[in-house]
Amino acid sequence: MAGTGGLGQAGGVERVPVESSCLAAVGYDPADGALELEFTSGSVYRYLAVPEDVHRGLLAAESLGRYFHAWIRDRYEYRRIG
């Protein structure tokens, strides 16, 4: 359910809705650095061992899509969870 801020799968990281043309919601678990990104397409990915400052940077970015492509995509191990 895009942008609902529901619980993620496999661990239950809570995602919060964001204003973005490519991302619907973002969640983060600081205990293990799991960053969950729910895309507007409905797909959900969990990125592993992401530092907390990268999560904060994403939420503060003027363009979440540009930040994702520059600082997250192809930099962290990930799996599709939804």
Protein backbone atom coordinates (compact mmCIF):
# COMPACT_ATOMS: atom_id res chain seq x y z
CA MET A 1 0.00 0.00 0.00
CA ALA A 2 1.98 2.93 -1.28
CA GLY A 3 2.52 5.81 1.07
CA THR A 4 0.48 4.45 3.93
CA GLY A 5 3.36 4.34 6.39
CA GLY A 6 2.50 0.74 7.20
CA LEU A 7 4.84 -1.81 8.63
CA GLY A 8 7.43 -3.31 6.37
CA GLN A 9 7.88 -7.04 5.97
CA ALA A 10 10.53 -9.29 7.51
CA GLY A 11 11.24 -7.26 10.61
CA GLY A 12 8.57 -4.60 10.64
CA VAL A 13 10.42 -1.35 9.98
CA GLU A 14 7.82 1.40 10.19
CA ARG A 15 7.75 3.51 7.03
CA VAL A 16 6.55 7.10 6.93
CA PRO A 17 5.09 8.79 3.84
CA VAL A 18 7.36 11.22 1.96
CA GLU A 19 6.82 13.85 -0.72
CA SER A 20 8.62 12.54 -3.80
CA SER A 21 7.89 11.60 -7.38
CA CYS A 22 9.73 8.28 -7.01
CA LEU A 23 9.47 7.37 -3.30
CA ALA A 24 6.21 6.90 -1.40
CA ALA A 25 7.59 6.06 2.06
CA VAL A 26 10.87 5.64 3.95
CA GLY A 27 11.66 3.60 7.05
CA TYR A 28 14.84 3.07 9.03
CA ASP A 29 15.95 0.76 11.83
CA PRO A 30 19.03 2.25 13.53
CA ALA A 31 19.72 -1.00 15.40
CA ASP A 32 20.89 -2.74 12.22
CA GLY A 33 20.99 0.07 9.65
CA ALA A 34 18.08 -1.33 7.62
CA LEU A 35 16.69 1.33 5.28
CA GLU A 36 13.35 0.45 3.70
CA LEU A 37 12.26 2.36 0.64
CA GLU A 38 8.76 2.07 -0.75
CA PHE A 39 8.66 3.35 -4.32
CA THR A 40 5.65 4.95 -5.96
CA SER A 41 5.45 1.83 -8.16
CA GLY A 42 4.58 -0.12 -5.01
CA SER A 43 7.89 -2.03 -4.84
CA VAL A 44 9.63 -2.11 -1.46
CA TYR A 45 13.37 -2.62 -1.01
CA ARG A 46 15.43 -3.06 2.13
CA TYR A 47 18.99 -1.69 2.00
CA LEU A 48 21.37 -3.18 4.56
CA ALA A 49 23.96 -1.57 6.86
CA VAL A 50 23.08 1.99 5.85
CA PRO A 51 24.55 4.61 8.21
CA GLU A 52 22.06 6.78 10.07
CA ASP A 53 23.47 9.96 8.50
CA VAL A 54 22.55 8.62 5.05
CA HIS A 55 18.96 8.10 6.24
CA ARG A 56 18.86 11.63 7.67
CA GLY A 57 20.38 13.00 4.46
CA LEU A 58 17.70 11.29 2.39
CA LEU A 59 14.89 12.77 4.47
CA ALA A 60 16.46 16.24 4.33
CA ALA A 61 17.26 16.17 0.60
CA GLU A 62 15.65 18.63 -1.76
CA SER A 63 15.17 15.74 -4.21
CA LEU A 64 14.81 12.30 -2.64
CA GLY A 65 15.22 10.63 -6.03
CA ARG A 66 18.50 12.38 -6.78
CA TYR A 67 19.80 11.62 -3.28
CA PHE A 68 18.82 7.96 -3.65
CA HIS A 69 20.66 7.66 -6.97
CA ALA A 70 23.76 9.48 -5.71
CA TRP A 71 24.15 8.04 -2.20
CA ILE A 72 22.17 4.79 -1.85
CA ARG A 73 21.59 2.96 -5.13
CA ASP A 74 24.48 0.62 -6.02
CA ARG A 75 26.26 1.43 -2.72
CA TYR A 76 24.53 -0.94 -0.30
CA GLU A 77 23.43 -4.55 -0.40
CA TYR A 78 19.67 -4.77 -0.82
CA ARG A 79 16.78 -7.13 -1.28
CA ARG A 80 13.30 -6.66 -2.62
CA ILE A 81 10.77 -7.37 0.14
CA GLY A 82 7.55 -6.24 -1.50
